[in-house]
PDB file of N, CA and C in Angstrom:
ATOM      1  N   MET A   1       0.832  -1.185   0.000  1.00  0.00           N
ATOM      2  CA  MET A   1       0.000   0.000   0.000  1.00  0.00           C
ATOM      3  C   MET A   1       0.874   1.243   0.000  1.00  0.00           C
ATOM      4  N   ALA A   2       0.518   2.120  -0.836  1.00  0.00           N
ATOM      5  CA  ALA A   2       1.271   3.372  -0.927  1.00  0.00           C
ATOM      6  C   ALA A   2       0.745   4.353   0.106  1.00  0.00           C
ATOM      7  N   ASP A   3       1.661   5.157   0.622  1.00  0.00           N
ATOM      8  CA  ASP A   3       1.244   6.176   1.581  1.00  0.00           C
ATOM      9  C   ASP A   3       0.509   7.288   0.836  1.00  0.00           C
ATOM     10  N   LYS A   4      -0.686   7.587   1.307  1.00  0.00           N
ATOM     11  CA  LYS A   4      -1.446   8.668   0.675  1.00  0.00           C
ATOM     12  C   LYS A   4      -1.215   9.940   1.475  1.00  0.00           C
ATOM     13  N   LYS A   5      -0.650  10.901   0.819  1.00  0.00           N
ATOM     14  CA  LYS A   5      -0.409  12.181   1.484  1.00  0.00           C
ATOM     15  C   LYS A   5      -1.473  13.170   1.038  1.00  0.00           C
ATOM     16  N   GLU A   6      -1.925  13.928   1.987  1.00  0.00           N
ATOM     17  CA  GLU A   6      -2.914  14.946   1.658  1.00  0.00           C
ATOM     18  C   GLU A   6      -2.241  16.069   0.881  1.00  0.00           C
ATOM     19  N   PRO A   7      -2.927  16.614  -0.093  1.00  0.00           N
ATOM     20  CA  PRO A   7      -2.323  17.734  -0.827  1.00  0.00           C
ATOM     21  C   PRO A   7      -2.167  18.938   0.092  1.00  0.00           C
ATOM     22  N   GLN A   8      -1.042  19.568  -0.004  1.00  0.00           N
ATOM     23  CA  GLN A   8      -0.788  20.713   0.856  1.00  0.00           C
ATOM     24  C   GLN A   8      -1.332  21.972   0.204  1.00  0.00           C
ATOM     25  N   VAL A   9      -2.110  22.680   0.975  1.00  0.00           N
ATOM     26  CA  VAL A   9      -2.693  23.919   0.484  1.00  0.00           C
ATOM     27  C   VAL A   9      -1.753  25.052   0.855  1.00  0.00           C
ATOM     28  N   GLU A  10      -1.407  25.838  -0.135  1.00  0.00           N
ATOM     29  CA  GLU A  10      -0.513  26.966   0.135  1.00  0.00           C
ATOM     30  C   GLU A  10      -1.333  28.145   0.644  1.00  0.00           C
ATOM     31  N   SER A  11      -1.057  28.543   1.828  1.00  0.00           N
ATOM     32  CA  SER A  11      -1.765  29.666   2.432  1.00  0.00           C
ATOM     33  C   SER A  11      -0.963  30.944   2.230  1.00  0.00           C
ATOM     34  N   PRO A  12      -1.630  32.026   1.825  1.00  0.00           N
ATOM     35  CA  PRO A  12      -0.885  33.281   1.647  1.00  0.00           C
ATOM     36  C   PRO A  12      -0.361  33.840   2.963  1.00  0.00           C
ATOM     37  N   LEU A  13      -0.950  33.409   4.089  1.00  0.00           N
ATOM     38  CA  LEU A  13      -0.499  33.904   5.388  1.00  0.00           C
ATOM     39  C   LEU A  13       0.838  33.277   5.792  1.00  0.00           C
ATOM     40  N   LEU A  14       1.123  32.088   5.275  1.00  0.00           N
ATOM     41  CA  LEU A  14       2.338  31.393   5.664  1.00  0.00           C
ATOM     42  C   LEU A  14       3.499  31.647   4.717  1.00  0.00           C
ATOM     43  N   ASP A  15       3.248  32.357   3.645  1.00  0.00           N
ATOM     44  CA  ASP A  15       4.299  32.626   2.674  1.00  0.00           C
ATOM     45  C   ASP A  15       5.290  33.615   3.281  1.00  0.00           C
ATOM     46  N   GLU A  16       6.510  33.176   3.466  1.00  0.00           N
ATOM     47  CA  GLU A  16       7.507  34.014   4.141  1.00  0.00           C
ATOM     48  C   GLU A  16       8.065  35.106   3.245  1.00  0.00           C
ATOM     49  N   ASN A  17       7.978  34.934   1.945  1.00  0.00           N
ATOM     50  CA  ASN A  17       8.551  35.914   1.026  1.00  0.00           C
ATOM     51  C   ASN A  17       7.592  37.056   0.702  1.00  0.00           C
ATOM     52  N   ARG A  18       6.372  36.940   1.126  1.00  0.00           N
ATOM     53  CA  ARG A  18       5.368  37.947   0.802  1.00  0.00           C
ATOM     54  C   ARG A  18       5.423  39.103   1.793  1.00  0.00           C
ATOM     55  N   GLN A  19       5.353  40.312   1.285  1.00  0.00           N
ATOM     56  CA  GLN A  19       5.349  41.495   2.145  1.00  0.00           C
ATOM     57  C   GLN A  19       3.928  41.741   2.648  1.00  0.00           C
ATOM     58  N   PRO A  20       3.751  42.044   3.918  1.00  0.00           N
ATOM     59  CA  PRO A  20       2.395  42.298   4.427  1.00  0.00           C
ATOM     60  C   PRO A  20       1.870  43.642   3.913  1.00  0.00           C
ATOM     61  N   ASN A  21       0.552  43.709   3.750  1.00  0.00           N
ATOM     62  CA  ASN A  21      -0.089  44.931   3.270  1.00  0.00           C
ATOM     63  C   ASN A  21      -0.483  45.852   4.420  1.00  0.00           C
ATOM     64  N   TYR A  22      -0.072  45.536   5.632  1.00  0.00           N
ATOM     65  CA  TYR A  22      -0.452  46.327   6.799  1.00  0.00           C
ATOM     66  C   TYR A  22       0.266  47.664   6.785  1.00  0.00           C
ATOM     67  N   LYS A  23      -0.515  48.724   6.891  1.00  0.00           N
ATOM     68  CA  LYS A  23       0.055  50.069   6.944  1.00  0.00           C
ATOM     69  C   LYS A  23      -0.675  50.820   8.058  1.00  0.00           C
ATOM     70  N   PRO A  24      -0.012  51.120   9.156  1.00  0.00           N
ATOM     71  CA  PRO A  24      -0.707  51.798  10.251  1.00  0.00           C
ATOM     72  C   PRO A  24      -1.111  53.215   9.857  1.00  0.00           C
ATOM     73  N   TYR A  25      -2.198  53.672  10.464  1.00  0.00           N
ATOM     74  CA  TYR A  25      -2.685  55.016  10.186  1.00  0.00           C
ATOM     75  C   TYR A  25      -1.786  56.051  10.849  1.00  0.00           C
ATOM     76  N   ASP A  26      -1.859  57.267  10.359  1.00  0.00           N
ATOM     77  CA  ASP A  26      -1.092  58.361  10.947  1.00  0.00           C
ATOM     78  C   ASP A  26      -1.592  58.656  12.355  1.00  0.00           C
ATOM     79  N   LYS A  27      -0.769  59.335  13.120  1.00  0.00           N
ATOM     80  CA  LYS A  27      -1.152  59.685  14.481  1.00  0.00           C
ATOM     81  C   LYS A  27      -2.328  60.664  14.476  1.00  0.00           C
ATOM     82  N   LYS A  28      -2.348  61.592  13.507  1.00  0.00           N
ATOM     83  CA  LYS A  28      -3.449  62.552  13.413  1.00  0.00           C
ATOM     84  C   LYS A  28      -4.778  61.845  13.164  1.00  0.00           C
ATOM     85  N   THR A  29      -4.756  60.855  12.306  1.00  0.00           N
ATOM     86  CA  THR A  29      -5.980  60.124  11.978  1.00  0.00           C
ATOM     87  C   THR A  29      -6.499  59.368  13.187  1.00  0.00           C
ATOM     88  N   ARG A  30      -5.599  58.751  13.945  1.00  0.00           N
ATOM     89  CA  ARG A  30      -6.027  58.021  15.143  1.00  0.00           C
ATOM     90  C   ARG A  30      -6.584  58.968  16.191  1.00  0.00           C
ATOM     91  N   ILE A  31      -5.979  60.156  16.343  1.00  0.00           N
ATOM     92  CA  ILE A  31      -6.476  61.136  17.311  1.00  0.00           C
ATOM     93  C   ILE A  31      -7.866  61.610  16.911  1.00  0.00           C
ATOM     94  N   LYS A  32      -8.069  61.876  15.617  1.00  0.00           N
ATOM     95  CA  LYS A  32      -9.389  62.306  15.141  1.00  0.00           C
ATOM     96  C   LYS A  32     -10.440  61.223  15.380  1.00  0.00           C
ATOM     97  N   ALA A  33     -10.063  59.973  15.191  1.00  0.00           N
ATOM     98  CA  ALA A  33     -11.005  58.875  15.416  1.00  0.00           C
ATOM     99  C   ALA A  33     -11.403  58.793  16.882  1.00  0.00           C
ATOM    100  N   TRP A  34     -10.436  58.927  17.795  1.00  0.00           N
ATOM    101  CA  TRP A  34     -10.752  58.873  19.227  1.00  0.00           C
ATOM    102  C   TRP A  34     -11.584  60.073  19.660  1.00  0.00           C
ATOM    103  N   ILE A  35     -11.317  61.244  19.080  1.00  0.00           N
ATOM    104  CA  ILE A  35     -12.139  62.423  19.385  1.00  0.00           C
ATOM    105  C   ILE A  35     -13.569  62.185  18.915  1.00  0.00           C
ATOM    106  N   GLY A  36     -13.726  61.602  17.728  1.00  0.00           N
ATOM    107  CA  GLY A  36     -15.058  61.293  17.217  1.00  0.00           C
ATOM    108  C   GLY A  36     -15.800  60.316  18.108  1.00  0.00           C
ATOM    109  N   ILE A  37     -15.100  59.322  18.608  1.00  0.00           N
ATOM    110  CA  ILE A  37     -15.728  58.358  19.514  1.00  0.00           C
ATOM    111  C   ILE A  37     -16.147  59.038  20.814  1.00  0.00           C
ATOM    112  N   ALA A  38     -15.289  59.908  21.341  1.00  0.00           N
ATOM    113  CA  ALA A  38     -15.612  60.611  22.589  1.00  0.00           C
ATOM    114  C   ALA A  38     -16.818  61.533  22.402  1.00  0.00           C
ATOM    115  N   VAL A  39     -16.892  62.232  21.282  1.00  0.00           N
ATOM    116  CA  VAL A  39     -18.033  63.114  21.015  1.00  0.00           C
ATOM    117  C   VAL A  39     -19.312  62.296  20.881  1.00  0.00           C
ATOM    118  N   MET A  40     -19.237  61.162  20.203  1.00  0.00           N
ATOM    119  CA  MET A  40     -20.406  60.308  20.033  1.00  0.00           C
ATOM    120  C   MET A  40     -20.918  59.820  21.390  1.00  0.00           C
ATOM    121  N   ILE A  41     -20.009  59.410  22.263  1.00  0.00           N
ATOM    122  CA  ILE A  41     -20.407  58.940  23.595  1.00  0.00           C
ATOM    123  C   ILE A  41     -20.997  60.086  24.414  1.00  0.00           C
ATOM    124  N   ALA A  42     -20.396  61.279  24.346  1.00  0.00           N
ATOM    125  CA  ALA A  42     -20.906  62.425  25.099  1.00  0.00           C
ATOM    126  C   ALA A  42     -22.307  62.808  24.630  1.00  0.00           C
ATOM    127  N   LEU A  43     -22.536  62.818  23.319  1.00  0.00           N
ATOM    128  CA  LEU A  43     -23.868  63.146  22.814  1.00  0.00           C
ATOM    129  C   LEU A  43     -24.894  62.097  23.225  1.00  0.00           C
ATOM    130  N   THR A  44     -24.519  60.835  23.161  1.00  0.00           N
ATOM    131  CA  THR A  44     -25.438  59.763  23.553  1.00  0.00           C
ATOM    132  C   THR A  44     -25.811  59.880  25.029  1.00  0.00           C
ATOM    133  N   LEU A  45     -24.825  60.089  25.883  1.00  0.00           N
ATOM    134  CA  LEU A  45     -25.108  60.238  27.309  1.00  0.00           C
ATOM    135  C   LEU A  45     -25.938  61.491  27.576  1.00  0.00           C
ATOM    136  N   GLY A  46     -25.665  62.564  26.844  1.00  0.00           N
ATOM    137  CA  GLY A  46     -26.450  63.794  27.006  1.00  0.00           C
ATOM    138  C   GLY A  46     -27.906  63.581  26.635  1.00  0.00           C
ATOM    139  N   TYR A  47     -28.156  62.896  25.531  1.00  0.00           N
ATOM    140  CA  TYR A  47     -29.539  62.631  25.128  1.00  0.00           C
ATOM    141  C   TYR A  47     -30.231  61.726  26.135  1.00  0.00           C
ATOM    142  N   PHE A  48     -29.536  60.702  26.614  1.00  0.00           N
ATOM    143  CA  PHE A  48     -30.144  59.841  27.626  1.00  0.00           C
ATOM    144  C   PHE A  48     -30.478  60.639  28.881  1.00  0.00           C
ATOM    145  N   TYR A  49     -29.605  61.510  29.301  1.00  0.00           N
ATOM    146  CA  TYR A  49     -29.859  62.308  30.510  1.00  0.00           C
ATOM    147  C   TYR A  49     -31.088  63.193  30.320  1.00  0.00           C
ATOM    148  N   VAL A  50     -31.169  63.875  29.183  1.00  0.00           N
ATOM    149  CA  VAL A  50     -32.289  64.792  28.951  1.00  0.00           C
ATOM    150  C   VAL A  50     -33.606  64.033  28.895  1.00  0.00           C
ATOM    151  N   PHE A  51     -33.653  62.937  28.183  1.00  0.00           N
ATOM    152  CA  PHE A  51     -34.920  62.225  28.041  1.00  0.00           C
ATOM    153  C   PHE A  51     -35.331  61.493  29.317  1.00  0.00           C
ATOM    154  N   TYR A  52     -34.379  60.899  30.021  1.00  0.00           N
ATOM    155  CA  TYR A  52     -34.754  60.137  31.217  1.00  0.00           C
ATOM    156  C   TYR A  52     -34.909  61.005  32.446  1.00  0.00           C
ATOM    157  N   SER A  53     -34.388  62.207  32.450  1.00  0.00           N
ATOM    158  CA  SER A  53     -34.577  63.075  33.615  1.00  0.00           C
ATOM    159  C   SER A  53     -35.866  63.886  33.509  1.00  0.00           C
ATOM    160  N   GLY A  54     -36.433  63.985  32.333  1.00  0.00           N
ATOM    161  CA  GLY A  54     -37.693  64.708  32.171  1.00  0.00           C
ATOM    162  C   GLY A  54     -37.494  66.192  31.900  1.00  0.00           C
ATOM    163  N   ILE A  55     -36.269  66.642  31.719  1.00  0.00           N
ATOM    164  CA  ILE A  55     -36.010  68.067  31.455  1.00  0.00           C
ATOM    165  C   ILE A  55     -36.657  68.491  30.137  1.00  0.00           C
ATOM    166  N   ILE A  56     -36.753  67.591  29.183  1.00  0.00           N
ATOM    167  CA  ILE A  56     -37.301  67.921  27.865  1.00  0.00           C
ATOM    168  C   ILE A  56     -38.790  68.298  27.980  1.00  0.00           C
ATOM    169  N   ILE A  57     -39.489  67.782  28.996  1.00  0.00           N
ATOM    170  CA  ILE A  57     -40.910  68.085  29.164  1.00  0.00           C
ATOM    171  C   ILE A  57     -41.085  69.545  29.556  1.00  0.00           C
ATOM    172  N   ASN A  58     -40.180  70.093  30.374  1.00  0.00           N
ATOM    173  CA  ASN A  58     -40.293  71.472  30.842  1.00  0.00           C
ATOM    174  C   ASN A  58     -39.755  72.477  29.843  1.00  0.00           C
ATOM    175  N   TRP A  59     -39.266  72.027  28.741  1.00  0.00           N
ATOM    176  CA  TRP A  59     -38.605  72.908  27.790  1.00  0.00           C
ATOM    177  C   TRP A  59     -39.559  73.686  26.979  1.00  0.00           C
TER     178      TRP A  59
END
């Protein structure tokens, strides 16, 4: 009986000669993204406070 070997699948992740396409973002871009996230959270919390405290009814 001959040994049956499974065909080896070449994965692009395991190729050592391939250069990765990863390019980190600039520091300015990351700062802008974090500022955007902080503003989004502040607005969400502000809306929750106004609606759940009932201040909007007296407005």
